[in-house]
């Protein structure tokens, strides 16, 4: 008689083996990531963003590299291993922390020639919470369970997302911004809720 643990191990092995035909070989995955990095660097070079003597270019370059890699890496690198997952999470946290750092600098830097509007800060925070939470869920589906911690996290993210989107939308569409914000927040929260118990 085969135990439940052995059955689960066999299921995982079969799924892993079936997935091999639907992903690139490890060397090709590395080549594709390298190409994307080079294309990104070339694009930044053409737009003069690699000139770090200009204020803000280093920040924009860092954010661009981190966020492009955070999205592209888990899409291309499908090799299932603990090391690959660590690299994915490292890139993810680099993108999150780089954006948090940029938002803090925008808030505290008083040497700006132009005033940073609260709506711009709110939009950046909404992007950070919205995209960051969705990407985290995609990278760690095993952590998304039907428990109190998950629902509390979804509620907290939704509250922050609602406030930031409301600040931005109310400036664009006074009076109607609150209703659009409610719709966007509901869709956001629904996308974060776990579909099944893992």
N, C-alpha and C. Protein backbone atom coordinates (compact mmCIF):
# COMPACT_ATOMS: atom_id res chain seq x y z
N UNK A 1 0.86 -1.19 0.00
CA UNK A 1 0.00 0.00 0.00
C UNK A 1 0.90 1.25 0.00
N UNK A 2 0.63 2.19 -0.90
CA UNK A 2 1.44 3.40 -1.00
C UNK A 2 0.87 4.46 -0.07
N UNK A 3 1.74 5.05 0.75
CA UNK A 3 1.29 6.07 1.70
C UNK A 3 0.94 7.37 1.01
N UNK A 4 0.24 8.26 1.77
CA UNK A 4 -0.17 9.55 1.21
C UNK A 4 1.04 10.40 0.83
N UNK A 5 2.09 10.37 1.68
CA UNK A 5 3.29 11.15 1.39
C UNK A 5 3.95 10.69 0.10
N UNK A 6 3.98 9.36 -0.10
CA UNK A 6 4.58 8.84 -1.33
C UNK A 6 3.76 9.22 -2.56
N UNK A 7 2.43 9.22 -2.40
CA UNK A 7 1.56 9.61 -3.52
C UNK A 7 1.80 11.06 -3.89
N UNK A 8 1.90 11.94 -2.87
CA UNK A 8 2.15 13.36 -3.14
C UNK A 8 3.50 13.55 -3.81
N UNK A 9 4.53 12.80 -3.35
CA UNK A 9 5.85 12.90 -3.95
C UNK A 9 5.82 12.45 -5.41
N UNK A 10 5.07 11.38 -5.69
CA UNK A 10 4.94 10.90 -7.07
C UNK A 10 4.20 11.91 -7.94
N UNK A 11 3.15 12.53 -7.39
CA UNK A 11 2.41 13.55 -8.13
C UNK A 11 3.30 14.73 -8.48
N UNK A 12 4.09 15.19 -7.49
CA UNK A 12 4.99 16.32 -7.73
C UNK A 12 6.03 15.96 -8.79
N UNK A 13 6.56 14.74 -8.71
CA UNK A 13 7.57 14.32 -9.68
C UNK A 13 6.98 14.23 -11.09
N UNK A 14 5.74 13.74 -11.19
CA UNK A 14 5.09 13.64 -12.50
C UNK A 14 4.81 15.01 -13.09
N UNK A 15 4.34 15.94 -12.25
CA UNK A 15 4.08 17.31 -12.72
C UNK A 15 5.37 17.97 -13.17
N UNK A 16 6.45 17.76 -12.39
CA UNK A 16 7.75 18.33 -12.75
C UNK A 16 8.23 17.76 -14.07
N UNK A 17 8.08 16.46 -14.27
CA UNK A 17 8.52 15.82 -15.50
C UNK A 17 7.69 16.29 -16.69
N UNK A 18 6.39 16.46 -16.50
CA UNK A 18 5.52 16.93 -17.58
C UNK A 18 5.87 18.36 -17.98
N UNK A 19 6.30 19.16 -17.00
CA UNK A 19 6.61 20.56 -17.29
C UNK A 19 7.88 20.78 -18.06
N UNK A 20 8.73 19.76 -18.12
CA UNK A 20 10.01 19.93 -18.81
C UNK A 20 9.84 20.24 -20.29
N UNK A 21 8.78 19.71 -20.90
CA UNK A 21 8.57 19.95 -22.32
C UNK A 21 8.01 21.32 -22.63
N UNK A 22 7.66 22.08 -21.58
CA UNK A 22 7.05 23.39 -21.79
C UNK A 22 7.92 24.53 -21.27
N UNK A 23 9.20 24.28 -21.12
CA UNK A 23 10.10 25.35 -20.70
C UNK A 23 11.44 25.19 -21.39
N UNK A 24 12.19 26.29 -21.45
CA UNK A 24 13.50 26.28 -22.08
C UNK A 24 14.49 25.52 -21.20
N UNK A 25 15.54 25.05 -21.82
CA UNK A 25 16.63 24.43 -21.06
C UNK A 25 17.31 25.51 -20.21
N UNK A 26 17.95 25.10 -19.09
CA UNK A 26 18.56 26.09 -18.19
C UNK A 26 19.52 27.06 -18.90
N UNK A 27 20.34 26.55 -19.85
CA UNK A 27 21.27 27.43 -20.55
C UNK A 27 20.52 28.47 -21.38
N UNK A 28 19.44 28.03 -22.03
CA UNK A 28 18.65 28.96 -22.84
C UNK A 28 17.95 29.98 -21.96
N UNK A 29 17.50 29.56 -20.79
CA UNK A 29 16.88 30.49 -19.84
C UNK A 29 17.89 31.58 -19.46
N UNK A 30 19.12 31.18 -19.17
CA UNK A 30 20.17 32.14 -18.80
C UNK A 30 20.47 33.09 -19.96
N UNK A 31 20.50 32.56 -21.18
CA UNK A 31 20.77 33.39 -22.37
C UNK A 31 19.66 34.43 -22.55
N UNK A 32 18.41 34.01 -22.39
CA UNK A 32 17.28 34.94 -22.55
C UNK A 32 17.31 36.04 -21.50
N UNK A 33 17.63 35.69 -20.28
CA UNK A 33 17.75 36.70 -19.23
C UNK A 33 18.87 37.68 -19.58
N UNK A 34 20.00 37.14 -20.05
CA UNK A 34 21.12 38.00 -20.46
C UNK A 34 20.73 38.94 -21.58
N UNK A 35 19.98 38.45 -22.56
CA UNK A 35 19.53 39.29 -23.68
C UNK A 35 18.62 40.41 -23.19
N UNK A 36 17.71 40.07 -22.27
CA UNK A 36 16.80 41.09 -21.73
C UNK A 36 17.57 42.17 -20.97
N UNK A 37 18.58 41.76 -20.22
CA UNK A 37 19.41 42.74 -19.50
C UNK A 37 20.13 43.66 -20.48
N UNK A 38 20.70 43.07 -21.55
CA UNK A 38 21.41 43.87 -22.55
C UNK A 38 20.47 44.82 -23.29
N UNK A 39 19.27 44.34 -23.65
CA UNK A 39 18.30 45.19 -24.33
C UNK A 39 17.87 46.34 -23.43
N UNK A 40 17.66 46.04 -22.15
CA UNK A 40 17.29 47.08 -21.19
C UNK A 40 18.39 48.11 -21.06
N UNK A 41 19.64 47.64 -20.94
CA UNK A 41 20.78 48.55 -20.82
C UNK A 41 20.92 49.41 -22.08
N UNK A 42 20.74 48.79 -23.25
CA UNK A 42 20.86 49.53 -24.52
C UNK A 42 19.77 50.59 -24.63
N UNK A 43 18.55 50.25 -24.21
CA UNK A 43 17.44 51.21 -24.24
C UNK A 43 17.72 52.38 -23.31
N UNK A 44 18.23 52.09 -22.12
CA UNK A 44 18.57 53.16 -21.18
C UNK A 44 19.71 54.02 -21.71
N UNK A 45 20.65 53.38 -22.43
CA UNK A 45 21.77 54.12 -23.03
C UNK A 45 21.26 55.08 -24.10
N UNK A 46 20.32 54.62 -24.93
CA UNK A 46 19.78 55.47 -25.99
C UNK A 46 19.00 56.66 -25.43
N UNK A 47 18.42 56.48 -24.25
CA UNK A 47 17.65 57.56 -23.62
C UNK A 47 18.51 58.38 -22.65
N UNK A 48 19.83 58.14 -22.66
CA UNK A 48 20.79 58.88 -21.81
C UNK A 48 20.57 58.67 -20.31
N UNK A 49 19.87 57.59 -19.93
CA UNK A 49 19.63 57.32 -18.52
C UNK A 49 20.86 56.75 -17.82
N UNK A 50 21.85 56.29 -18.58
CA UNK A 50 23.06 55.74 -17.96
C UNK A 50 24.06 56.84 -17.62
N UNK A 51 23.70 58.09 -17.87
CA UNK A 51 24.53 59.22 -17.47
C UNK A 51 24.18 59.56 -16.02
N UNK A 52 24.94 58.98 -15.09
CA UNK A 52 24.61 59.11 -13.67
C UNK A 52 25.00 60.45 -13.06
N UNK A 53 25.60 61.33 -13.88
CA UNK A 53 25.90 62.67 -13.38
C UNK A 53 24.61 63.50 -13.29
N UNK A 54 23.58 63.08 -14.00
CA UNK A 54 22.29 63.77 -13.95
C UNK A 54 21.50 63.23 -12.76
N UNK A 55 20.97 64.14 -11.97
CA UNK A 55 20.21 63.76 -10.78
C UNK A 55 18.98 62.93 -11.17
N UNK A 56 18.83 61.80 -10.50
CA UNK A 56 17.65 60.97 -10.73
C UNK A 56 17.85 59.82 -11.70
N UNK A 57 18.88 59.90 -12.54
CA UNK A 57 19.09 58.85 -13.54
C UNK A 57 19.49 57.52 -12.91
N UNK A 58 20.30 57.56 -11.87
CA UNK A 58 20.69 56.33 -11.20
C UNK A 58 19.47 55.65 -10.57
N UNK A 59 18.60 56.45 -9.97
CA UNK A 59 17.39 55.90 -9.36
C UNK A 59 16.49 55.25 -10.41
N UNK A 60 16.28 55.95 -11.52
CA UNK A 60 15.43 55.42 -12.59
C UNK A 60 16.02 54.16 -13.18
N UNK A 61 17.34 54.14 -13.38
CA UNK A 61 18.01 52.95 -13.93
C UNK A 61 17.86 51.76 -12.99
N UNK A 62 18.06 52.00 -11.70
CA UNK A 62 17.93 50.92 -10.70
C UNK A 62 16.52 50.36 -10.69
N UNK A 63 15.53 51.26 -10.66
CA UNK A 63 14.14 50.82 -10.65
C UNK A 63 13.80 50.03 -11.92
N UNK A 64 14.29 50.51 -13.06
CA UNK A 64 14.00 49.84 -14.33
C UNK A 64 14.55 48.42 -14.34
N UNK A 65 15.82 48.26 -13.98
CA UNK A 65 16.43 46.94 -13.98
C UNK A 65 15.74 46.00 -12.99
N UNK A 66 15.50 46.50 -11.78
CA UNK A 66 14.90 45.66 -10.73
C UNK A 66 13.50 45.18 -11.12
N UNK A 67 12.67 46.10 -11.59
CA UNK A 67 11.28 45.72 -11.88
C UNK A 67 11.16 44.88 -13.14
N UNK A 68 11.98 45.16 -14.15
CA UNK A 68 11.93 44.31 -15.35
C UNK A 68 12.37 42.90 -15.01
N UNK A 69 13.44 42.77 -14.25
CA UNK A 69 13.90 41.43 -13.85
C UNK A 69 12.90 40.74 -12.93
N UNK A 70 12.27 41.51 -12.05
CA UNK A 70 11.29 40.91 -11.12
C UNK A 70 10.12 40.29 -11.88
N UNK A 71 9.72 40.91 -13.00
CA UNK A 71 8.63 40.37 -13.80
C UNK A 71 9.09 39.27 -14.74
N UNK A 72 10.24 39.49 -15.38
CA UNK A 72 10.68 38.60 -16.45
C UNK A 72 11.30 37.31 -15.91
N UNK A 73 12.06 37.40 -14.82
CA UNK A 73 12.78 36.23 -14.30
C UNK A 73 11.86 35.04 -14.02
N UNK A 74 10.77 35.23 -13.24
CA UNK A 74 9.90 34.06 -12.98
C UNK A 74 9.13 33.57 -14.20
N UNK A 75 8.99 34.43 -15.22
CA UNK A 75 8.30 34.01 -16.45
C UNK A 75 9.18 33.14 -17.33
N UNK A 76 10.48 33.42 -17.33
CA UNK A 76 11.41 32.70 -18.21
C UNK A 76 12.05 31.52 -17.49
N UNK A 77 12.52 31.77 -16.27
CA UNK A 77 13.24 30.73 -15.52
C UNK A 77 12.21 29.85 -14.81
N UNK A 78 11.90 28.73 -15.42
CA UNK A 78 10.89 27.83 -14.89
C UNK A 78 11.50 26.61 -14.19
N UNK A 79 12.83 26.58 -14.06
CA UNK A 79 13.48 25.47 -13.38
C UNK A 79 13.07 25.48 -11.91
N UNK A 80 12.55 24.36 -11.43
CA UNK A 80 12.09 24.28 -10.05
C UNK A 80 13.24 23.88 -9.14
N UNK A 81 13.74 24.82 -8.38
CA UNK A 81 14.77 24.53 -7.39
C UNK A 81 14.74 25.61 -6.33
N UNK A 82 15.27 25.27 -5.16
CA UNK A 82 15.30 26.22 -4.05
C UNK A 82 16.18 27.41 -4.39
N UNK A 83 17.27 27.19 -5.09
CA UNK A 83 18.18 28.28 -5.45
C UNK A 83 17.52 29.27 -6.40
N UNK A 84 16.80 28.75 -7.40
CA UNK A 84 16.10 29.63 -8.35
C UNK A 84 15.04 30.46 -7.62
N UNK A 85 14.33 29.83 -6.69
CA UNK A 85 13.31 30.57 -5.93
C UNK A 85 13.96 31.66 -5.08
N UNK A 86 15.12 31.38 -4.51
CA UNK A 86 15.83 32.40 -3.74
C UNK A 86 16.23 33.59 -4.60
N UNK A 87 16.71 33.31 -5.82
CA UNK A 87 17.08 34.39 -6.73
C UNK A 87 15.85 35.22 -7.10
N UNK A 88 14.73 34.55 -7.39
CA UNK A 88 13.48 35.25 -7.73
C UNK A 88 13.05 36.17 -6.59
N UNK A 89 13.11 35.65 -5.36
CA UNK A 89 12.71 36.46 -4.21
C UNK A 89 13.70 37.59 -3.95
N UNK A 90 14.98 37.34 -4.21
CA UNK A 90 15.99 38.39 -4.05
C UNK A 90 15.72 39.55 -5.00
N UNK A 91 15.42 39.23 -6.25
CA UNK A 91 15.09 40.27 -7.23
C UNK A 91 13.80 40.98 -6.85
N UNK A 92 12.84 40.20 -6.36
CA UNK A 92 11.56 40.79 -5.93
C UNK A 92 11.78 41.81 -4.82
N UNK A 93 12.51 41.43 -3.78
CA UNK A 93 12.73 42.35 -2.66
C UNK A 93 13.58 43.54 -3.08
N UNK A 94 14.50 43.33 -4.02
CA UNK A 94 15.29 44.45 -4.53
C UNK A 94 14.39 45.47 -5.21
N UNK A 95 13.42 44.99 -6.00
CA UNK A 95 12.50 45.90 -6.68
C UNK A 95 11.61 46.64 -5.68
N UNK A 96 11.13 45.90 -4.67
CA UNK A 96 10.26 46.52 -3.66
C UNK A 96 11.02 47.58 -2.86
N UNK A 97 12.21 47.22 -2.38
CA UNK A 97 12.99 48.15 -1.55
C UNK A 97 13.48 49.35 -2.35
N UNK A 98 13.81 49.14 -3.64
CA UNK A 98 14.26 50.26 -4.46
C UNK A 98 13.13 51.27 -4.67
N UNK A 99 11.91 50.77 -4.84
CA UNK A 99 10.77 51.68 -5.01
C UNK A 99 10.43 52.37 -3.69
N UNK A 100 10.50 51.64 -2.58
CA UNK A 100 10.26 52.27 -1.27
C UNK A 100 11.29 53.37 -1.02
N UNK A 101 12.56 53.06 -1.32
CA UNK A 101 13.61 54.07 -1.16
C UNK A 101 13.37 55.29 -2.02
N UNK A 102 12.92 55.08 -3.25
CA UNK A 102 12.65 56.20 -4.15
C UNK A 102 11.50 57.06 -3.64
N UNK A 103 10.46 56.41 -3.12
CA UNK A 103 9.32 57.16 -2.57
C UNK A 103 9.75 57.99 -1.37
N UNK A 104 10.57 57.41 -0.50
CA UNK A 104 11.05 58.14 0.68
C UNK A 104 11.90 59.33 0.25
N UNK A 105 12.77 59.14 -0.74
CA UNK A 105 13.61 60.24 -1.23
C UNK A 105 12.75 61.36 -1.82
N UNK A 106 11.70 61.00 -2.54
CA UNK A 106 10.82 62.02 -3.10
C UNK A 106 10.13 62.83 -2.01
N UNK A 107 9.79 62.15 -0.91
CA UNK A 107 9.09 62.83 0.17
C UNK A 107 10.01 63.76 0.95
N UNK A 108 11.23 63.29 1.26
CA UNK A 108 12.12 64.06 2.15
C UNK A 108 13.03 65.03 1.41
N UNK A 109 13.23 64.84 0.11
CA UNK A 109 14.15 65.71 -0.62
C UNK A 109 13.49 67.06 -0.87
N UNK A 110 14.05 68.08 -0.24
CA UNK A 110 13.51 69.44 -0.36
C UNK A 110 14.24 70.26 -1.43
N UNK A 111 15.18 69.66 -2.14
CA UNK A 111 15.96 70.41 -3.12
C UNK A 111 15.36 70.31 -4.52
N UNK A 112 14.18 69.70 -4.63
CA UNK A 112 13.54 69.57 -5.94
C UNK A 112 13.14 70.95 -6.45
N UNK A 113 13.37 71.16 -7.74
CA UNK A 113 12.97 72.44 -8.34
C UNK A 113 11.46 72.50 -8.54
N UNK A 114 10.85 71.34 -8.67
CA UNK A 114 9.39 71.30 -8.82
C UNK A 114 8.80 70.55 -7.62
N UNK A 115 7.63 70.98 -7.20
CA UNK A 115 6.96 70.36 -6.06
C UNK A 115 6.41 68.99 -6.44
N UNK A 116 6.68 67.99 -5.59
CA UNK A 116 6.13 66.66 -5.80
C UNK A 116 4.71 66.63 -5.26
N UNK A 117 3.76 66.40 -6.13
CA UNK A 117 2.36 66.41 -5.73
C UNK A 117 2.03 65.17 -4.89
N UNK A 118 1.13 65.32 -3.91
CA UNK A 118 0.70 64.15 -3.12
C UNK A 118 0.09 63.05 -3.99
N UNK A 119 -0.54 63.44 -5.11
CA UNK A 119 -1.13 62.44 -5.99
C UNK A 119 -0.07 61.55 -6.63
N UNK A 120 1.09 62.13 -6.92
CA UNK A 120 2.19 61.34 -7.49
C UNK A 120 2.71 60.32 -6.48
N UNK A 121 2.85 60.75 -5.23
CA UNK A 121 3.29 59.84 -4.18
C UNK A 121 2.25 58.74 -3.97
N UNK A 122 0.97 59.13 -3.96
CA UNK A 122 -0.11 58.16 -3.76
C UNK A 122 -0.13 57.13 -4.88
N UNK A 123 0.10 57.58 -6.11
CA UNK A 123 0.10 56.65 -7.25
C UNK A 123 1.26 55.67 -7.16
N UNK A 124 2.42 56.14 -6.73
CA UNK A 124 3.59 55.26 -6.56
C UNK A 124 3.33 54.22 -5.47
N UNK A 125 2.72 54.64 -4.37
CA UNK A 125 2.43 53.71 -3.28
C UNK A 125 1.38 52.69 -3.73
N UNK A 126 0.37 53.15 -4.47
CA UNK A 126 -0.65 52.23 -4.99
C UNK A 126 -0.02 51.20 -5.92
N UNK A 127 0.92 51.63 -6.75
CA UNK A 127 1.63 50.70 -7.63
C UNK A 127 2.45 49.71 -6.81
N UNK A 128 3.14 50.22 -5.79
CA UNK A 128 3.96 49.37 -4.93
C UNK A 128 3.11 48.28 -4.26
N UNK A 129 1.99 48.68 -3.68
CA UNK A 129 1.13 47.72 -2.97
C UNK A 129 0.43 46.79 -3.96
N UNK A 130 -0.12 47.36 -5.02
CA UNK A 130 -0.89 46.56 -5.98
C UNK A 130 -0.04 45.53 -6.71
N UNK A 131 1.00 46.01 -7.38
CA UNK A 131 1.83 45.11 -8.17
C UNK A 131 2.70 44.24 -7.27
N UNK A 132 3.20 44.83 -6.18
CA UNK A 132 4.06 44.07 -5.27
C UNK A 132 3.36 42.89 -4.64
N UNK A 133 2.12 43.07 -4.19
CA UNK A 133 1.38 41.98 -3.56
C UNK A 133 1.00 40.90 -4.58
N UNK A 134 0.64 41.32 -5.79
CA UNK A 134 0.29 40.34 -6.83
C UNK A 134 1.52 39.51 -7.22
N UNK A 135 2.66 40.16 -7.34
CA UNK A 135 3.88 39.46 -7.72
C UNK A 135 4.32 38.50 -6.61
N UNK A 136 4.18 38.94 -5.36
CA UNK A 136 4.54 38.07 -4.23
C UNK A 136 3.67 36.83 -4.22
N UNK A 137 2.37 37.02 -4.49
CA UNK A 137 1.45 35.88 -4.53
C UNK A 137 1.83 34.92 -5.65
N UNK A 138 2.25 35.47 -6.79
CA UNK A 138 2.64 34.62 -7.92
C UNK A 138 3.91 33.82 -7.61
N UNK A 139 4.84 34.45 -6.88
CA UNK A 139 6.10 33.78 -6.57
C UNK A 139 5.97 32.78 -5.42
N UNK A 140 4.98 32.98 -4.56
CA UNK A 140 4.82 32.12 -3.38
C UNK A 140 3.39 31.61 -3.26
N UNK A 141 2.90 30.85 -4.23
CA UNK A 141 1.51 30.38 -4.15
C UNK A 141 1.26 29.46 -2.96
N UNK A 142 2.33 28.80 -2.48
CA UNK A 142 2.14 27.88 -1.35
C UNK A 142 1.86 28.61 -0.04
N UNK A 143 2.16 29.91 0.01
CA UNK A 143 1.91 30.69 1.22
C UNK A 143 0.50 31.26 1.28
N UNK A 144 -0.19 31.24 0.14
CA UNK A 144 -1.53 31.82 0.09
C UNK A 144 -2.54 30.77 0.52
N UNK A 145 -2.89 30.79 1.80
CA UNK A 145 -3.83 29.82 2.37
C UNK A 145 -5.03 30.53 2.95
N UNK A 146 -6.08 29.78 3.15
CA UNK A 146 -7.28 30.34 3.77
C UNK A 146 -7.11 30.36 5.28
N UNK A 147 -6.45 31.38 5.78
CA UNK A 147 -6.29 31.52 7.22
C UNK A 147 -6.37 32.99 7.60
N UNK A 148 -6.35 33.25 8.90
CA UNK A 148 -6.53 34.62 9.40
C UNK A 148 -5.43 35.55 8.92
N UNK A 149 -4.18 35.05 8.85
CA UNK A 149 -3.07 35.90 8.44
C UNK A 149 -3.23 36.36 6.99
N UNK A 150 -3.66 35.45 6.12
CA UNK A 150 -3.86 35.82 4.72
C UNK A 150 -4.95 36.87 4.58
N UNK A 151 -6.08 36.67 5.26
CA UNK A 151 -7.18 37.63 5.15
C UNK A 151 -6.81 38.98 5.76
N UNK A 152 -6.03 38.96 6.84
CA UNK A 152 -5.57 40.22 7.44
C UNK A 152 -4.63 40.95 6.49
N UNK A 153 -3.74 40.20 5.82
CA UNK A 153 -2.82 40.80 4.86
C UNK A 153 -3.56 41.41 3.68
N UNK A 154 -4.55 40.67 3.16
CA UNK A 154 -5.34 41.17 2.03
C UNK A 154 -6.10 42.43 2.44
N UNK A 155 -6.67 42.43 3.66
CA UNK A 155 -7.41 43.59 4.15
C UNK A 155 -6.49 44.80 4.29
N UNK A 156 -5.29 44.59 4.87
CA UNK A 156 -4.34 45.70 5.08
C UNK A 156 -3.89 46.29 3.74
N UNK A 157 -3.54 45.42 2.80
CA UNK A 157 -3.11 45.89 1.48
C UNK A 157 -4.24 46.63 0.78
N UNK A 158 -5.47 46.12 0.93
CA UNK A 158 -6.62 46.75 0.28
C UNK A 158 -6.90 48.14 0.84
N UNK A 159 -6.74 48.30 2.16
CA UNK A 159 -6.96 49.61 2.77
C UNK A 159 -5.95 50.63 2.24
N UNK A 160 -4.67 50.25 2.21
CA UNK A 160 -3.63 51.14 1.69
C UNK A 160 -3.89 51.45 0.21
N UNK A 161 -4.20 50.42 -0.55
CA UNK A 161 -4.49 50.59 -1.98
C UNK A 161 -5.67 51.53 -2.18
N UNK A 162 -6.74 51.35 -1.39
CA UNK A 162 -7.94 52.19 -1.50
C UNK A 162 -7.61 53.66 -1.24
N UNK A 163 -6.90 53.92 -0.16
CA UNK A 163 -6.58 55.31 0.21
C UNK A 163 -5.76 55.99 -0.88
N UNK A 164 -4.73 55.29 -1.37
CA UNK A 164 -3.84 55.89 -2.38
C UNK A 164 -4.55 56.11 -3.71
N UNK A 165 -5.32 55.12 -4.14
CA UNK A 165 -6.06 55.27 -5.40
C UNK A 165 -7.12 56.36 -5.28
N UNK A 166 -7.76 56.46 -4.12
CA UNK A 166 -8.78 57.49 -3.90
C UNK A 166 -8.16 58.89 -4.01
N UNK A 167 -7.00 59.08 -3.39
CA UNK A 167 -6.32 60.38 -3.47
C UNK A 167 -6.06 60.75 -4.93
N UNK A 168 -5.62 59.76 -5.71
CA UNK A 168 -5.30 60.03 -7.11
C UNK A 168 -6.56 60.23 -7.95
N UNK A 169 -7.55 59.36 -7.80
CA UNK A 169 -8.75 59.41 -8.62
C UNK A 169 -9.61 60.63 -8.30
N UNK A 170 -9.62 61.04 -7.03
CA UNK A 170 -10.44 62.19 -6.65
C UNK A 170 -9.93 63.47 -7.30
N UNK A 171 -8.63 63.51 -7.61
CA UNK A 171 -8.07 64.66 -8.31
C UNK A 171 -8.45 64.63 -9.79
N UNK A 172 -8.46 63.44 -10.37
CA UNK A 172 -8.80 63.30 -11.78
C UNK A 172 -10.29 63.48 -12.04
N UNK A 173 -11.11 62.79 -11.22
CA UNK A 173 -12.57 62.82 -11.42
C UNK A 173 -13.23 63.14 -10.08
N UNK A 174 -13.30 64.42 -9.73
CA UNK A 174 -13.92 64.80 -8.45
C UNK A 174 -15.36 64.30 -8.36
N UNK A 175 -15.71 63.71 -7.20
CA UNK A 175 -17.06 63.23 -7.00
C UNK A 175 -17.25 61.77 -7.42
N UNK A 176 -16.65 61.39 -8.54
CA UNK A 176 -16.76 60.02 -9.03
C UNK A 176 -15.57 59.16 -8.64
N UNK A 177 -14.52 59.80 -8.17
CA UNK A 177 -13.30 59.06 -7.83
C UNK A 177 -13.52 57.98 -6.78
N UNK A 178 -14.38 58.27 -5.79
CA UNK A 178 -14.62 57.32 -4.71
C UNK A 178 -15.26 56.04 -5.24
N UNK A 179 -16.17 56.17 -6.21
CA UNK A 179 -16.87 54.99 -6.74
C UNK A 179 -15.94 54.14 -7.60
N UNK A 180 -15.14 54.79 -8.41
CA UNK A 180 -14.16 54.04 -9.20
C UNK A 180 -13.14 53.37 -8.30
N UNK A 181 -12.77 54.06 -7.23
CA UNK A 181 -11.80 53.49 -6.29
C UNK A 181 -12.36 52.24 -5.61
N UNK A 182 -13.63 52.27 -5.26
CA UNK A 182 -14.27 51.10 -4.65
C UNK A 182 -14.23 49.91 -5.60
N UNK A 183 -14.52 50.16 -6.88
CA UNK A 183 -14.50 49.09 -7.87
C UNK A 183 -13.09 48.53 -8.03
N UNK A 184 -12.10 49.42 -8.18
CA UNK A 184 -10.71 48.97 -8.35
C UNK A 184 -10.23 48.19 -7.13
N UNK A 185 -10.58 48.66 -5.94
CA UNK A 185 -10.15 47.99 -4.71
C UNK A 185 -10.81 46.62 -4.58
N UNK A 186 -12.08 46.53 -4.95
CA UNK A 186 -12.77 45.24 -4.89
C UNK A 186 -12.11 44.23 -5.83
N UNK A 187 -11.77 44.67 -7.03
CA UNK A 187 -11.09 43.79 -7.99
C UNK A 187 -9.71 43.38 -7.47
N UNK A 188 -9.03 44.34 -6.87
CA UNK A 188 -7.70 44.08 -6.32
C UNK A 188 -7.78 43.05 -5.20
N UNK A 189 -8.71 43.23 -4.26
CA UNK A 189 -8.85 42.31 -3.13
C UNK A 189 -9.27 40.92 -3.62
N UNK A 190 -10.17 40.88 -4.58
CA UNK A 190 -10.65 39.60 -5.10
C UNK A 190 -9.50 38.82 -5.75
N UNK A 191 -8.61 39.53 -6.45
CA UNK A 191 -7.47 38.87 -7.10
C UNK A 191 -6.49 38.30 -6.08
N UNK A 192 -6.45 38.90 -4.89
CA UNK A 192 -5.50 38.44 -3.86
C UNK A 192 -6.05 37.28 -3.02
N UNK A 193 -7.35 37.15 -2.96
CA UNK A 193 -7.94 36.11 -2.11
C UNK A 193 -7.56 34.72 -2.61
N UNK A 194 -7.23 33.82 -1.69
CA UNK A 194 -6.85 32.45 -2.10
C UNK A 194 -8.02 31.72 -2.74
N UNK A 195 -7.72 30.95 -3.79
CA UNK A 195 -8.78 30.21 -4.49
C UNK A 195 -9.11 28.90 -3.79
N UNK A 196 -8.10 28.30 -3.16
CA UNK A 196 -8.34 27.02 -2.52
C UNK A 196 -7.36 26.84 -1.38
N UNK A 197 -7.63 25.92 -0.52
CA UNK A 197 -6.73 25.59 0.57
C UNK A 197 -5.59 24.75 0.05
N UNK A 198 -4.37 25.17 0.37
CA UNK A 198 -3.18 24.44 -0.09
C UNK A 198 -2.64 23.58 1.04
